[in-house]
Amino acid sequence: MNNGIKFGLPIAIVALVGGYLLFGGKEEPQPQPVEAVKVEPPKPPPVQVPEPEPEVVEAPSEPRPQEEPLLPTPPRLEGSDDEALAIAESLSPTLVQWLVPDEQVRKWVLAVDLLAEGKLPLRHKPIEYPMPKFLVETLSDDEFKAKGSNDDRVTALIGAVTTIPPKTLARYYQAWLPLMDEAYAEMGKTGSFQQRVDAAFERVLAAQEMGEDVTLVRPHVFYEFEDESLESLSPLEKALWRMGPENREKLQAYIKELNSYL
């Protein structure tokens, strides 16, 4: 029994008794028909039918592209040049024409170690690239300015490197890392080769633009910066400046992406 019925019944009884007392008299009152109070049962609450949830149709998953298998890694550092050159040929046929064929792994490890210190490999270089002459404009008898056409000197080399898929190169790096660790250990250096790679990457990525209107002088055979603060920069930073802003930024973007896979 709901609350409405429980309170309705006492109120109806009080009303009937009060009416008898008010209208009582000598004459016997004629019985009056009493209308029965019809108590309607409570209406059941509406049944809420849950709406059917929309059917989620999963799109067929596309098969993940299969990575191409890597060329075999040689078991030993000695005699690994053939495999190294074969990999270079598969990754960048343009680049392979400038590679020095002998002791490739050892020469690359040495080059990375020098780059980590801001230096450039002058001997035992892993690559021989025909660099055109550095051209300048004469400002005065003893002051010069680099020509913008110098930027094109390394465009072909930077293009040959940056066309190598970074993820594929990272996979080869991981596969060949034990051999590079071996070559690095031969140098008697402390730490790990990976630490030298990180340091070299950090130096390249930190290099910034020096400006276009940089004055050069030529006290001896080679050109130098007139500004001593620029001349005191590392050989690596100067080399990155000489390749021009477009080539440098392209190389930095490639190294940043490559580093994300290592």
C-alpha atoms as a PDB file:
ATOM      1  CA  MET A   1       0.000   0.000   0.000  1.00  0.00           C
ATOM      2  CA  ASN A   2       1.469   3.292  -1.014  1.00  0.00           C
ATOM      3  CA  ASN A   3       1.639   6.496   1.025  1.00  0.00           C
ATOM      4  CA  GLY A   4      -1.389   8.058  -0.694  1.00  0.00           C
ATOM      5  CA  ILE A   5      -3.752   5.273   0.386  1.00  0.00           C
ATOM      6  CA  LYS A   6      -2.457   5.146   3.979  1.00  0.00           C
ATOM      7  CA  PHE A   7      -3.171   8.840   4.557  1.00  0.00           C
ATOM      8  CA  GLY A   8      -6.455   8.873   2.492  1.00  0.00           C
ATOM      9  CA  LEU A   9      -8.356   6.333   4.644  1.00  0.00           C
ATOM     10  CA  PRO A  10      -8.127   8.215   8.030  1.00  0.00           C
ATOM     11  CA  ILE A  11      -9.192  11.465   6.370  1.00  0.00           C
ATOM     12  CA  ALA A  12     -12.335   9.779   4.922  1.00  0.00           C
ATOM     13  CA  ILE A  13     -13.386   8.362   8.354  1.00  0.00           C
ATOM     14  CA  VAL A  14     -12.995  11.778  10.076  1.00  0.00           C
ATOM     15  CA  ALA A  15     -15.198  13.377   7.418  1.00  0.00           C
ATOM     16  CA  LEU A  16     -18.065  10.829   7.900  1.00  0.00           C
ATOM     17  CA  VAL A  17     -18.147  11.226  11.755  1.00  0.00           C
ATOM     18  CA  GLY A  18     -18.092  15.017  11.514  1.00  0.00           C
ATOM     19  CA  GLY A  19     -21.037  15.029   9.126  1.00  0.00           C
ATOM     20  CA  TYR A  20     -23.197  12.896  11.483  1.00  0.00           C
ATOM     21  CA  LEU A  21     -22.651  15.211  14.435  1.00  0.00           C
ATOM     22  CA  LEU A  22     -23.338  18.311  12.383  1.00  0.00           C
ATOM     23  CA  PHE A  23     -26.610  17.077  10.845  1.00  0.00           C
ATOM     24  CA  GLY A  24     -27.949  14.966  13.796  1.00  0.00           C
ATOM     25  CA  GLY A  25     -31.509  15.721  15.070  1.00  0.00           C
ATOM     26  CA  LYS A  26     -34.806  14.311  16.376  1.00  0.00           C
ATOM     27  CA  GLU A  27     -35.914  12.892  13.145  1.00  0.00           C
ATOM     28  CA  GLU A  28     -34.193   9.862  12.095  1.00  0.00           C
ATOM     29  CA  PRO A  29     -32.323  10.902   9.118  1.00  0.00           C
ATOM     30  CA  GLN A  30     -32.984   9.065   5.984  1.00  0.00           C
ATOM     31  CA  PRO A  31     -30.087   7.017   5.023  1.00  0.00           C
ATOM     32  CA  GLN A  32     -28.193   8.672   2.305  1.00  0.00           C
ATOM     33  CA  PRO A  33     -26.351   6.667  -0.197  1.00  0.00           C
ATOM     34  CA  VAL A  34     -22.749   6.807   0.526  1.00  0.00           C
ATOM     35  CA  GLU A  35     -20.554   6.849  -2.423  1.00  0.00           C
ATOM     36  CA  ALA A  36     -17.816   4.334  -2.021  1.00  0.00           C
ATOM     37  CA  VAL A  37     -14.372   5.728  -2.256  1.00  0.00           C
ATOM     38  CA  LYS A  38     -12.749   3.995  -5.051  1.00  0.00           C
ATOM     39  CA  VAL A  39      -9.118   3.527  -4.404  1.00  0.00           C
ATOM     40  CA  GLU A  40      -7.287   2.962  -7.628  1.00  0.00           C
ATOM     41  CA  PRO A  41      -4.260   0.807  -7.460  1.00  0.00           C
ATOM     42  CA  PRO A  42      -1.077   2.670  -8.189  1.00  0.00           C
ATOM     43  CA  LYS A  43       0.028   2.725 -11.710  1.00  0.00           C
ATOM     44  CA  PRO A  44       3.204   0.783 -12.230  1.00  0.00           C
ATOM     45  CA  PRO A  45       6.090   2.932 -13.344  1.00  0.00           C
ATOM     46  CA  PRO A  46       6.630   2.905 -17.047  1.00  0.00           C
ATOM     47  CA  VAL A  47       8.964   0.218 -18.109  1.00  0.00           C
ATOM     48  CA  GLN A  48      11.987   1.781 -19.715  1.00  0.00           C
ATOM     49  CA  VAL A  49      13.273  -0.341 -22.511  1.00  0.00           C
ATOM     50  CA  PRO A  50      16.984   0.313 -22.934  1.00  0.00           C
ATOM     51  CA  GLU A  51      17.873   1.458 -26.382  1.00  0.00           C
ATOM     52  CA  PRO A  52      20.071  -1.031 -28.137  1.00  0.00           C
ATOM     53  CA  GLU A  53      23.660   0.094 -28.266  1.00  0.00           C
ATOM     54  CA  PRO A  54      24.885   0.800 -31.742  1.00  0.00           C
ATOM     55  CA  GLU A  55      26.798  -2.077 -33.096  1.00  0.00           C
ATOM     56  CA  VAL A  56      30.459  -1.260 -33.388  1.00  0.00           C
ATOM     57  CA  VAL A  57      31.808  -2.526 -36.617  1.00  0.00           C
ATOM     58  CA  GLU A  58      35.572  -2.784 -36.432  1.00  0.00           C
ATOM     59  CA  ALA A  59      37.352  -1.841 -39.575  1.00  0.00           C
ATOM     60  CA  PRO A  60      39.491  -4.645 -40.859  1.00  0.00           C
ATOM     61  CA  SER A  61      43.024  -4.068 -39.654  1.00  0.00           C
ATOM     62  CA  GLU A  62      45.517  -3.521 -42.390  1.00  0.00           C
ATOM     63  CA  PRO A  63      48.403  -5.913 -42.331  1.00  0.00           C
ATOM     64  CA  ARG A  64      51.588  -4.326 -41.017  1.00  0.00           C
ATOM     65  CA  PRO A  65      54.118  -3.850 -43.756  1.00  0.00           C
ATOM     66  CA  GLN A  66      56.847  -6.404 -43.545  1.00  0.00           C
ATOM     67  CA  GLU A  67      60.312  -4.978 -43.020  1.00  0.00           C
ATOM     68  CA  GLU A  68      62.811  -6.020 -45.597  1.00  0.00           C
ATOM     69  CA  PRO A  69      65.341  -8.525 -44.272  1.00  0.00           C
ATOM     70  CA  LEU A  70      68.785  -7.173 -43.564  1.00  0.00           C
ATOM     71  CA  LEU A  71      71.817  -8.360 -45.412  1.00  0.00           C
ATOM     72  CA  PRO A  72      73.930 -10.761 -43.349  1.00  0.00           C
ATOM     73  CA  THR A  73      76.193  -9.390 -40.650  1.00  0.00           C
ATOM     74  CA  PRO A  74      79.713 -10.831 -40.750  1.00  0.00           C
ATOM     75  CA  PRO A  75      80.722 -12.828 -37.686  1.00  0.00           C
ATOM     76  CA  ARG A  76      84.074 -11.051 -37.326  1.00  0.00           C
ATOM     77  CA  LEU A  77      85.485  -7.583 -37.758  1.00  0.00           C
ATOM     78  CA  GLU A  78      88.305  -8.880 -39.926  1.00  0.00           C
ATOM     79  CA  GLY A  79      87.190  -9.321 -43.514  1.00  0.00           C
ATOM     80  CA  SER A  80      83.944  -7.379 -43.082  1.00  0.00           C
ATOM     81  CA  ASP A  81      84.553  -4.887 -45.907  1.00  0.00           C
ATOM     82  CA  ASP A  82      82.687  -6.842 -48.571  1.00  0.00           C
ATOM     83  CA  GLU A  83      79.549  -6.988 -46.443  1.00  0.00           C
ATOM     84  CA  ALA A  84      79.854  -3.306 -45.480  1.00  0.00           C
ATOM     85  CA  LEU A  85      80.136  -2.191 -49.090  1.00  0.00           C
ATOM     86  CA  ALA A  86      77.233  -4.455 -50.114  1.00  0.00           C
ATOM     87  CA  ILE A  87      75.043  -2.787 -47.499  1.00  0.00           C
ATOM     88  CA  ALA A  88      76.117   0.665 -48.679  1.00  0.00           C
ATOM     89  CA  GLU A  89      75.284  -0.327 -52.240  1.00  0.00           C
ATOM     90  CA  SER A  90      71.801  -1.440 -51.214  1.00  0.00           C
ATOM     91  CA  LEU A  91      71.121   1.685 -49.162  1.00  0.00           C
ATOM     92  CA  SER A  92      72.632   4.361 -51.399  1.00  0.00           C
ATOM     93  CA  PRO A  93      74.257   3.457 -54.720  1.00  0.00           C
ATOM     94  CA  THR A  94      75.364   7.088 -55.039  1.00  0.00           C
ATOM     95  CA  LEU A  95      77.225   7.085 -51.750  1.00  0.00           C
ATOM     96  CA  VAL A  96      79.121   3.859 -52.359  1.00  0.00           C
ATOM     97  CA  GLN A  97      81.199   5.443 -55.150  1.00  0.00           C
ATOM     98  CA  TRP A  98      82.965   7.661 -52.589  1.00  0.00           C
ATOM     99  CA  LEU A  99      83.615   5.036 -49.917  1.00  0.00           C
ATOM    100  CA  VAL A 100      87.176   3.917 -49.275  1.00  0.00           C
ATOM    101  CA  PRO A 101      86.932   0.121 -49.661  1.00  0.00           C
ATOM    102  CA  ASP A 102      89.404  -0.955 -46.973  1.00  0.00           C
ATOM    103  CA  GLU A 103      88.756  -1.103 -43.203  1.00  0.00           C
ATOM    104  CA  GLN A 104      85.340   0.523 -43.457  1.00  0.00           C
ATOM    105  CA  VAL A 105      84.156  -0.283 -39.927  1.00  0.00           C
ATOM    106  CA  ARG A 106      87.382   0.834 -38.256  1.00  0.00           C
ATOM    107  CA  LYS A 107      87.468   4.062 -40.251  1.00  0.00           C
ATOM    108  CA  TRP A 108      83.853   4.938 -39.451  1.00  0.00           C
ATOM    109  CA  VAL A 109      84.428   4.264 -35.756  1.00  0.00           C
ATOM    110  CA  LEU A 110      87.505   6.507 -35.804  1.00  0.00           C
ATOM    111  CA  ALA A 111      85.576   9.229 -37.657  1.00  0.00           C
ATOM    112  CA  VAL A 112      82.727   9.156 -35.127  1.00  0.00           C
ATOM    113  CA  ASP A 113      85.189   9.323 -32.244  1.00  0.00           C
ATOM    114  CA  LEU A 114      86.788  12.442 -33.749  1.00  0.00           C
ATOM    115  CA  LEU A 115      83.424  14.066 -34.514  1.00  0.00           C
ATOM    116  CA  ALA A 116      82.407  13.536 -30.891  1.00  0.00           C
ATOM    117  CA  GLU A 117      85.322  15.842 -29.993  1.00  0.00           C
ATOM    118  CA  GLY A 118      84.406  18.377 -32.677  1.00  0.00           C
ATOM    119  CA  LYS A 119      87.282  17.299 -34.932  1.00  0.00           C
ATOM    120  CA  LEU A 120      87.360  16.101 -38.538  1.00  0.00           C
ATOM    121  CA  PRO A 121      89.162  12.998 -39.779  1.00  0.00           C
ATOM    122  CA  LEU A 122      92.185  14.087 -41.813  1.00  0.00           C
ATOM    123  CA  ARG A 123      93.735  10.673 -42.229  1.00  0.00           C
ATOM    124  CA  HIS A 124      92.194   7.211 -42.492  1.00  0.00           C
ATOM    125  CA  LYS A 125      88.969   8.731 -43.799  1.00  0.00           C
ATOM    126  CA  PRO A 126      86.130   6.322 -44.650  1.00  0.00           C
ATOM    127  CA  ILE A 127      85.041   8.459 -47.586  1.00  0.00           C
ATOM    128  CA  GLU A 128      86.831  10.368 -50.340  1.00  0.00           C
ATOM    129  CA  TYR A 129      84.497  12.990 -51.708  1.00  0.00           C
ATOM    130  CA  PRO A 130      85.747  15.292 -54.485  1.00  0.00           C
ATOM    131  CA  MET A 131      85.219  18.669 -52.816  1.00  0.00           C
ATOM    132  CA  PRO A 132      85.269  21.615 -55.233  1.00  0.00           C
ATOM    133  CA  LYS A 133      87.344  24.666 -54.394  1.00  0.00           C
ATOM    134  CA  PHE A 134      86.056  27.093 -51.758  1.00  0.00           C
ATOM    135  CA  LEU A 135      85.158  30.353 -53.518  1.00  0.00           C
ATOM    136  CA  VAL A 136      85.190  33.855 -52.041  1.00  0.00           C
ATOM    137  CA  GLU A 137      84.342  37.410 -52.997  1.00  0.00           C
ATOM    138  CA  THR A 138      86.987  40.060 -52.403  1.00  0.00           C
ATOM    139  CA  LEU A 139      85.831  42.862 -50.125  1.00  0.00           C
ATOM    140  CA  SER A 140      89.189  44.573 -49.740  1.00  0.00           C
ATOM    141  CA  ASP A 141      92.872  43.753 -49.970  1.00  0.00           C
ATOM    142  CA  ASP A 142      92.723  41.528 -46.895  1.00  0.00           C
ATOM    143  CA  GLU A 143      89.008  40.853 -46.364  1.00  0.00           C
ATOM    144  CA  PHE A 144      86.818  38.296 -48.131  1.00  0.00           C
ATOM    145  CA  LYS A 145      83.321  36.850 -48.090  1.00  0.00           C
ATOM    146  CA  ALA A 146      82.255  33.305 -48.920  1.00  0.00           C
ATOM    147  CA  LYS A 147      80.200  32.929 -52.092  1.00  0.00           C
ATOM    148  CA  GLY A 148      76.754  31.451 -51.812  1.00  0.00           C
ATOM    149  CA  SER A 149      77.594  28.912 -54.502  1.00  0.00           C
ATOM    150  CA  ASN A 150      79.827  27.112 -51.991  1.00  0.00           C
ATOM    151  CA  ASP A 151      76.693  25.551 -50.534  1.00  0.00           C
ATOM    152  CA  ASP A 152      76.359  23.379 -53.622  1.00  0.00           C
ATOM    153  CA  ARG A 153      79.714  21.702 -53.046  1.00  0.00           C
ATOM    154  CA  VAL A 154      78.289  19.098 -50.660  1.00  0.00           C
ATOM    155  CA  THR A 155      74.680  18.953 -51.855  1.00  0.00           C
ATOM    156  CA  ALA A 156      75.254  15.656 -53.678  1.00  0.00           C
ATOM    157  CA  LEU A 157      76.883  14.082 -50.619  1.00  0.00           C
ATOM    158  CA  ILE A 158      74.168  15.245 -48.220  1.00  0.00           C
ATOM    159  CA  GLY A 159      71.524  14.020 -50.651  1.00  0.00           C
ATOM    160  CA  ALA A 160      73.152  10.589 -50.919  1.00  0.00           C
ATOM    161  CA  VAL A 161      73.173  10.236 -47.128  1.00  0.00           C
ATOM    162  CA  THR A 162      69.710  11.597 -46.335  1.00  0.00           C
ATOM    163  CA  THR A 163      67.972   9.403 -48.922  1.00  0.00           C
ATOM    164  CA  ILE A 164      68.876   6.324 -46.845  1.00  0.00           C
ATOM    165  CA  PRO A 165      65.764   5.280 -44.853  1.00  0.00           C
ATOM    166  CA  PRO A 166      66.618   6.220 -41.250  1.00  0.00           C
ATOM    167  CA  LYS A 167      64.801   3.231 -39.740  1.00  0.00           C
ATOM    168  CA  THR A 168      66.641   0.794 -42.004  1.00  0.00           C
ATOM    169  CA  LEU A 169      69.969   2.407 -41.198  1.00  0.00           C
ATOM    170  CA  ALA A 170      69.175   2.147 -37.487  1.00  0.00           C
ATOM    171  CA  ARG A 171      68.462  -1.570 -37.872  1.00  0.00           C
ATOM    172  CA  TYR A 172      71.829  -2.093 -39.551  1.00  0.00           C
ATOM    173  CA  TYR A 173      73.489  -0.053 -36.814  1.00  0.00           C
ATOM    174  CA  GLN A 174      72.056  -2.307 -34.111  1.00  0.00           C
ATOM    175  CA  ALA A 175      73.106  -5.438 -36.033  1.00  0.00           C
ATOM    176  CA  TRP A 176      76.657  -4.179 -36.565  1.00  0.00           C
ATOM    177  CA  LEU A 177      77.103  -2.573 -33.137  1.00  0.00           C
ATOM    178  CA  PRO A 178      79.099  -5.526 -31.696  1.00  0.00           C
ATOM    179  CA  LEU A 179      81.650  -5.148 -34.512  1.00  0.00           C
ATOM    180  CA  MET A 180      81.853  -1.385 -33.959  1.00  0.00           C
ATOM    181  CA  ASP A 181      82.282  -1.951 -30.226  1.00  0.00           C
ATOM    182  CA  GLU A 182      85.162  -4.272 -31.078  1.00  0.00           C
ATOM    183  CA  ALA A 183      86.778  -1.667 -33.321  1.00  0.00           C
ATOM    184  CA  TYR A 184      86.301   0.984 -30.635  1.00  0.00           C
ATOM    185  CA  ALA A 185      87.889  -1.260 -27.993  1.00  0.00           C
ATOM    186  CA  GLU A 186      90.940  -1.643 -30.243  1.00  0.00           C
ATOM    187  CA  MET A 187      91.496   2.104 -29.911  1.00  0.00           C
ATOM    188  CA  GLY A 188      91.968   1.750 -26.168  1.00  0.00           C
ATOM    189  CA  LYS A 189      89.289   4.336 -25.409  1.00  0.00           C
ATOM    190  CA  THR A 190      87.084   4.374 -22.321  1.00  0.00           C
ATOM    191  CA  GLY A 191      83.308   4.264 -22.364  1.00  0.00           C
ATOM    192  CA  SER A 192      81.243   2.781 -25.167  1.00  0.00           C
ATOM    193  CA  PHE A 193      80.942   3.476 -28.864  1.00  0.00           C
ATOM    194  CA  GLN A 194      77.260   4.357 -28.370  1.00  0.00           C
ATOM    195  CA  GLN A 195      78.341   7.185 -26.080  1.00  0.00           C
ATOM    196  CA  ARG A 196      80.573   8.549 -28.834  1.00  0.00           C
ATOM    197  CA  VAL A 197      77.712   8.373 -31.311  1.00  0.00           C
ATOM    198  CA  ASP A 198      75.499  10.304 -28.890  1.00  0.00           C
ATOM    199  CA  ALA A 199      78.185  12.944 -28.396  1.00  0.00           C
ATOM    200  CA  ALA A 200      78.743  13.333 -32.149  1.00  0.00           C
ATOM    201  CA  PHE A 201      75.003  13.677 -32.787  1.00  0.00           C
ATOM    202  CA  GLU A 202      74.747  16.252 -30.020  1.00  0.00           C
ATOM    203  CA  ARG A 203      77.480  18.374 -31.558  1.00  0.00           C
ATOM    204  CA  VAL A 204      75.936  18.296 -35.024  1.00  0.00           C
ATOM    205  CA  LEU A 205      72.448  19.123 -33.746  1.00  0.00           C
ATOM    206  CA  ALA A 206      73.757  21.997 -31.599  1.00  0.00           C
ATOM    207  CA  ALA A 207      75.425  23.787 -34.535  1.00  0.00           C
ATOM    208  CA  GLN A 208      73.707  27.059 -35.416  1.00  0.00           C
ATOM    209  CA  GLU A 209      73.778  29.568 -38.235  1.00  0.00           C
ATOM    210  CA  MET A 210      76.677  32.019 -38.063  1.00  0.00           C
ATOM    211  CA  GLY A 211      75.200  34.477 -40.525  1.00  0.00           C
ATOM    212  CA  GLU A 212      75.781  35.225 -44.179  1.00  0.00           C
ATOM    213  CA  ASP A 213      77.858  38.379 -43.838  1.00  0.00           C
ATOM    214  CA  VAL A 214      80.847  36.732 -42.195  1.00  0.00           C
ATOM    215  CA  THR A 215      84.150  38.359 -42.986  1.00  0.00           C
ATOM    216  CA  LEU A 216      87.105  36.107 -43.807  1.00  0.00           C
ATOM    217  CA  VAL A 217      90.803  36.783 -43.808  1.00  0.00           C
ATOM    218  CA  ARG A 218      93.709  34.828 -45.263  1.00  0.00           C
ATOM    219  CA  PRO A 219      96.799  35.158 -43.097  1.00  0.00           C
ATOM    220  CA  HIS A 220      98.290  31.966 -44.516  1.00  0.00           C
ATOM    221  CA  VAL A 221      97.117  29.361 -47.020  1.00  0.00           C
ATOM    222  CA  PHE A 222      93.598  28.839 -45.681  1.00  0.00           C
ATOM    223  CA  TYR A 223      90.821  31.321 -45.036  1.00  0.00           C
ATOM    224  CA  GLU A 224      89.947  32.104 -41.452  1.00  0.00           C
ATOM    225  CA  PHE A 225      87.222  34.023 -39.688  1.00  0.00           C
ATOM    226  CA  GLU A 226      88.105  37.604 -38.903  1.00  0.00           C
ATOM    227  CA  ASP A 227      85.985  37.332 -35.755  1.00  0.00           C
ATOM    228  CA  GLU A 228      88.113  35.464 -33.217  1.00  0.00           C
ATOM    229  CA  SER A 229      85.037  34.054 -31.468  1.00  0.00           C
ATOM    230  CA  LEU A 230      84.064  32.337 -34.722  1.00  0.00           C
ATOM    231  CA  GLU A 231      87.591  31.239 -35.514  1.00  0.00           C
ATOM    232  CA  SER A 232      87.793  29.530 -32.124  1.00  0.00           C
ATOM    233  CA  LEU A 233      84.864  27.251 -32.997  1.00  0.00           C
ATOM    234  CA  SER A 234      85.545  23.565 -33.557  1.00  0.00           C
ATOM    235  CA  PRO A 235      86.488  22.273 -37.020  1.00  0.00           C
ATOM    236  CA  LEU A 236      83.165  20.393 -37.099  1.00  0.00           C
ATOM    237  CA  GLU A 237      81.162  23.587 -36.523  1.00  0.00           C
ATOM    238  CA  LYS A 238      83.112  25.394 -39.245  1.00  0.00           C
ATOM    239  CA  ALA A 239      82.509  22.523 -41.667  1.00  0.00           C
ATOM    240  CA  LEU A 240      78.779  22.636 -40.936  1.00  0.00           C
ATOM    241  CA  TRP A 241      78.804  26.385 -41.638  1.00  0.00           C
ATOM    242  CA  ARG A 242      80.641  25.880 -44.945  1.00  0.00           C
ATOM    243  CA  MET A 243      78.008  23.439 -46.213  1.00  0.00           C
ATOM    244  CA  GLY A 244      75.345  26.165 -46.086  1.00  0.00           C
ATOM    245  CA  PRO A 245      72.147  26.482 -44.038  1.00  0.00           C
ATOM    246  CA  GLU A 246      69.967  24.315 -46.270  1.00  0.00           C
ATOM    247  CA  ASN A 247      72.359  21.352 -46.287  1.00  0.00           C
ATOM    248  CA  ARG A 248      73.076  21.713 -42.582  1.00  0.00           C
ATOM    249  CA  GLU A 249      69.398  21.802 -41.607  1.00  0.00           C
ATOM    250  CA  LYS A 250      68.682  18.835 -43.867  1.00  0.00           C
ATOM    251  CA  LEU A 251      71.475  16.855 -42.219  1.00  0.00           C
ATOM    252  CA  GLN A 252      70.343  17.846 -38.724  1.00  0.00           C
ATOM    253  CA  ALA A 253      66.747  16.814 -39.443  1.00  0.00           C
ATOM    254  CA  TYR A 254      67.947  13.452 -40.738  1.00  0.00           C
ATOM    255  CA  ILE A 255      70.149  12.819 -37.691  1.00  0.00           C
ATOM    256  CA  LYS A 256      67.295  13.733 -35.374  1.00  0.00           C
ATOM    257  CA  GLU A 257      65.012  11.206 -37.053  1.00  0.00           C
ATOM    258  CA  LEU A 258      67.725   8.553 -37.141  1.00  0.00           C
ATOM    259  CA  ASN A 259      68.436   9.082 -33.463  1.00  0.00           C
ATOM    260  CA  SER A 260      64.778   8.417 -32.632  1.00  0.00           C
ATOM    261  CA  TYR A 261      65.212   4.836 -33.902  1.00  0.00           C
ATOM    262  CA  LEU A 262      68.460   4.104 -32.061  1.00  0.00           C
END
